[in-house]
C-alpha atoms as a PDB file:
ATOM      1  CA  MET A   1      -3.030   1.611  14.436  1.00  0.00           C
ATOM      2  CA  SER A   2      -0.939   3.308  11.788  1.00  0.00           C
ATOM      3  CA  HIS A   3       2.526   2.086  10.821  1.00  0.00           C
ATOM      4  CA  TYR A   4       5.143   4.259   9.156  1.00  0.00           C
ATOM      5  CA  VAL A   5       6.382   3.027   5.758  1.00  0.00           C
ATOM      6  CA  ASP A   6       9.812   4.219   4.613  1.00  0.00           C
ATOM      7  CA  LEU A   7      11.192   3.528   1.144  1.00  0.00           C
ATOM      8  CA  ALA A   8      14.880   2.902   0.600  1.00  0.00           C
ATOM      9  CA  ASN A   9      16.459   4.771  -2.303  1.00  0.00           C
ATOM     10  CA  ARG A  10      16.664   1.526  -4.264  1.00  0.00           C
ATOM     11  CA  ALA A  11      12.927   0.891  -3.781  1.00  0.00           C
ATOM     12  CA  GLU A  12      12.160   4.393  -5.075  1.00  0.00           C
ATOM     13  CA  ARG A  13      14.230   3.644  -8.198  1.00  0.00           C
ATOM     14  CA  ASP A  14      12.421   0.316  -8.607  1.00  0.00           C
ATOM     15  CA  LEU A  15       9.081   2.146  -8.625  1.00  0.00           C
ATOM     16  CA  ARG A  16      10.155   4.326 -11.556  1.00  0.00           C
ATOM     17  CA  GLY A  17      10.306   1.247 -13.784  1.00  0.00           C
ATOM     18  CA  LEU A  18       6.731   0.130 -13.118  1.00  0.00           C
ATOM     19  CA  GLY A  19       3.812   0.657 -15.454  1.00  0.00           C
ATOM     20  CA  PRO A  20       0.724   2.555 -14.265  1.00  0.00           C
ATOM     21  CA  SER A  21      -1.361  -0.487 -13.285  1.00  0.00           C
ATOM     22  CA  ASP A  22       1.511  -2.158 -11.411  1.00  0.00           C
ATOM     23  CA  LEU A  23       2.315   1.125  -9.690  1.00  0.00           C
ATOM     24  CA  ARG A  24      -1.295   1.400  -8.474  1.00  0.00           C
ATOM     25  CA  ARG A  25      -1.137  -2.125  -7.057  1.00  0.00           C
ATOM     26  CA  VAL A  26       2.150  -1.447  -5.278  1.00  0.00           C
ATOM     27  CA  ARG A  27       0.855   1.820  -3.813  1.00  0.00           C
ATOM     28  CA  ALA A  28      -2.190  -0.067  -2.519  1.00  0.00           C
ATOM     29  CA  ALA A  29       0.217  -2.561  -0.925  1.00  0.00           C
ATOM     30  CA  PHE A  30       1.985   0.338   0.832  1.00  0.00           C
ATOM     31  CA  VAL A  31      -1.390   1.288   2.325  1.00  0.00           C
ATOM     32  CA  GLY A  32      -1.719  -2.322   3.502  1.00  0.00           C
ATOM     33  CA  LEU A  33       1.700  -2.085   5.136  1.00  0.00           C
ATOM     34  CA  SER A  34       0.737   1.133   6.870  1.00  0.00           C
ATOM     35  CA  ARG A  35      -2.228  -0.754   8.314  1.00  0.00           C
ATOM     36  CA  GLY A  36      -0.096  -3.601   9.594  1.00  0.00           C
ATOM     37  CA  ALA A  37       1.301  -5.713   6.716  1.00  0.00           C
ATOM     38  CA  GLN A  38      -2.008  -6.820   5.266  1.00  0.00           C
ATOM     39  CA  GLY A  39      -1.798  -9.105   2.265  1.00  0.00           C
ATOM     40  CA  ASP A  40       0.216 -12.123   1.172  1.00  0.00           C
ATOM     41  CA  VAL A  41       3.215 -11.691   3.492  1.00  0.00           C
ATOM     42  CA  LYS A  42       5.801 -14.384   4.242  1.00  0.00           C
ATOM     43  CA  ALA A  43       9.063 -14.416   6.132  1.00  0.00           C
ATOM     44  CA  LEU A  44      12.132 -14.968   3.966  1.00  0.00           C
ATOM     45  CA  SER A  45      13.678 -18.195   5.227  1.00  0.00           C
ATOM     46  CA  GLY A  46      17.213 -17.733   6.492  1.00  0.00           C
ATOM     47  CA  ARG A  47      16.996 -13.952   6.120  1.00  0.00           C
ATOM     48  CA  ALA A  48      15.350 -12.760   9.323  1.00  0.00           C
ATOM     49  CA  PRO A  49      13.948 -10.124   9.834  1.00  0.00           C
ATOM     50  CA  TRP A  50      13.192  -9.702   6.111  1.00  0.00           C
ATOM     51  CA  LEU A  51       9.692 -10.312   4.768  1.00  0.00           C
ATOM     52  CA  ARG A  52       8.185 -10.363   1.305  1.00  0.00           C
ATOM     53  CA  MET A  53       4.743  -9.304   0.159  1.00  0.00           C
ATOM     54  CA  ARG A  54       3.323 -10.600  -3.104  1.00  0.00           C
ATOM     55  CA  VAL A  55       1.719  -7.897  -5.260  1.00  0.00           C
ATOM     56  CA  GLY A  56       0.737  -9.406  -8.611  1.00  0.00           C
ATOM     57  CA  ASP A  57       3.983 -10.226 -10.444  1.00  0.00           C
ATOM     58  CA  TYR A  58       6.004  -8.042  -8.053  1.00  0.00           C
ATOM     59  CA  ARG A  59       7.421  -8.625  -4.601  1.00  0.00           C
ATOM     60  CA  LEU A  60       8.014  -6.036  -1.892  1.00  0.00           C
ATOM     61  CA  LEU A  61      11.052  -6.852   0.235  1.00  0.00           C
ATOM     62  CA  PHE A  62      10.771  -5.199   3.622  1.00  0.00           C
ATOM     63  CA  ARG A  63      11.620  -5.427   7.317  1.00  0.00           C
ATOM     64  CA  PRO A  64      10.431  -3.795  10.535  1.00  0.00           C
ATOM     65  CA  LEU A  65      12.097  -0.545  11.542  1.00  0.00           C
ATOM     66  CA  THR A  66      13.724  -0.494  14.969  1.00  0.00           C
ATOM     67  CA  ALA A  67      12.700   2.025  17.611  1.00  0.00           C
ATOM     68  CA  ALA A  68      16.056   3.785  17.134  1.00  0.00           C
ATOM     69  CA  GLU A  69      15.481   4.067  13.367  1.00  0.00           C
ATOM     70  CA  LEU A  70      11.995   5.494  13.894  1.00  0.00           C
ATOM     71  CA  LYS A  71      13.357   8.012  16.385  1.00  0.00           C
ATOM     72  CA  ALA A  72      16.161   9.006  13.977  1.00  0.00           C
ATOM     73  CA  LEU A  73      13.532   9.593  11.285  1.00  0.00           C
ATOM     74  CA  GLY A  74      11.604  11.795  13.701  1.00  0.00           C
ATOM     75  CA  ARG A  75       8.507   9.577  13.561  1.00  0.00           C
ATOM     76  CA  GLN A  76       5.928   9.302  16.331  1.00  0.00           C
ATOM     77  CA  GLU A  77       4.470   5.967  15.209  1.00  0.00           C
ATOM     78  CA  PRO A  78       5.398   3.066  17.501  1.00  0.00           C
ATOM     79  CA  THR A  79       6.161   0.742  14.573  1.00  0.00           C
ATOM     80  CA  GLY A  80       7.168   0.990  10.959  1.00  0.00           C
ATOM     81  CA  TRP A  81       8.505  -0.802   7.893  1.00  0.00           C
ATOM     82  CA  LEU A  82      11.476  -0.252   5.621  1.00  0.00           C
ATOM     83  CA  VAL A  83      10.754  -1.286   2.032  1.00  0.00           C
ATOM     84  CA  ALA A  84      14.138  -2.110   0.516  1.00  0.00           C
ATOM     85  CA  ARG A  85      13.125  -3.337  -2.953  1.00  0.00           C
ATOM     86  CA  VAL A  86      10.173  -3.721  -5.306  1.00  0.00           C
ATOM     87  CA  VAL A  87      11.177  -6.480  -7.729  1.00  0.00           C
ATOM     88  CA  HIS A  88       9.598  -8.641 -10.402  1.00  0.00           C
ATOM     89  CA  ARG A  89       9.108 -12.193  -9.201  1.00  0.00           C
ATOM     90  CA  SER A  90      11.648 -13.449 -11.750  1.00  0.00           C
ATOM     91  CA  GLU A  91      14.311 -11.231 -10.102  1.00  0.00           C
ATOM     92  CA  LEU A  92      13.519 -12.196  -6.487  1.00  0.00           C
ATOM     93  CA  GLU A  93      16.379 -14.643  -5.882  1.00  0.00           C
ATOM     94  CA  ARG A  94      18.991 -12.306  -7.362  1.00  0.00           C
ATOM     95  CA  SER A  95      17.630  -9.358  -5.353  1.00  0.00           C
ATOM     96  CA  LEU A  96      17.815 -11.328  -2.103  1.00  0.00           C
ATOM     97  CA  ARG A  97      21.592 -11.638  -2.440  1.00  0.00           C
ATOM     98  CA  GLY A  98      21.874  -7.882  -1.958  1.00  0.00           C
ATOM     99  CA  LEU A  99      19.999  -7.769   1.350  1.00  0.00           C
END
């Protein structure tokens, strides 16, 4: 089953700062998300429904999209993810304050 992956504007800006090898890893992680959040995924304690996926030294911060959000995006997939940030592990705690 395929899952839709949407990137927030902030996540798109985060990607611009990555080097080529890190960018390849993160893009591979997006493929994992589209296949159902494969990889090192953990729930962020006290921040439901947010999840984090570890990708080398980077963390993807994401949550499931609601049915209404998917419909508003014009998507046919039954489920999807919103990636809000792609941050270096040293910036994780500071980035969580903005969620």
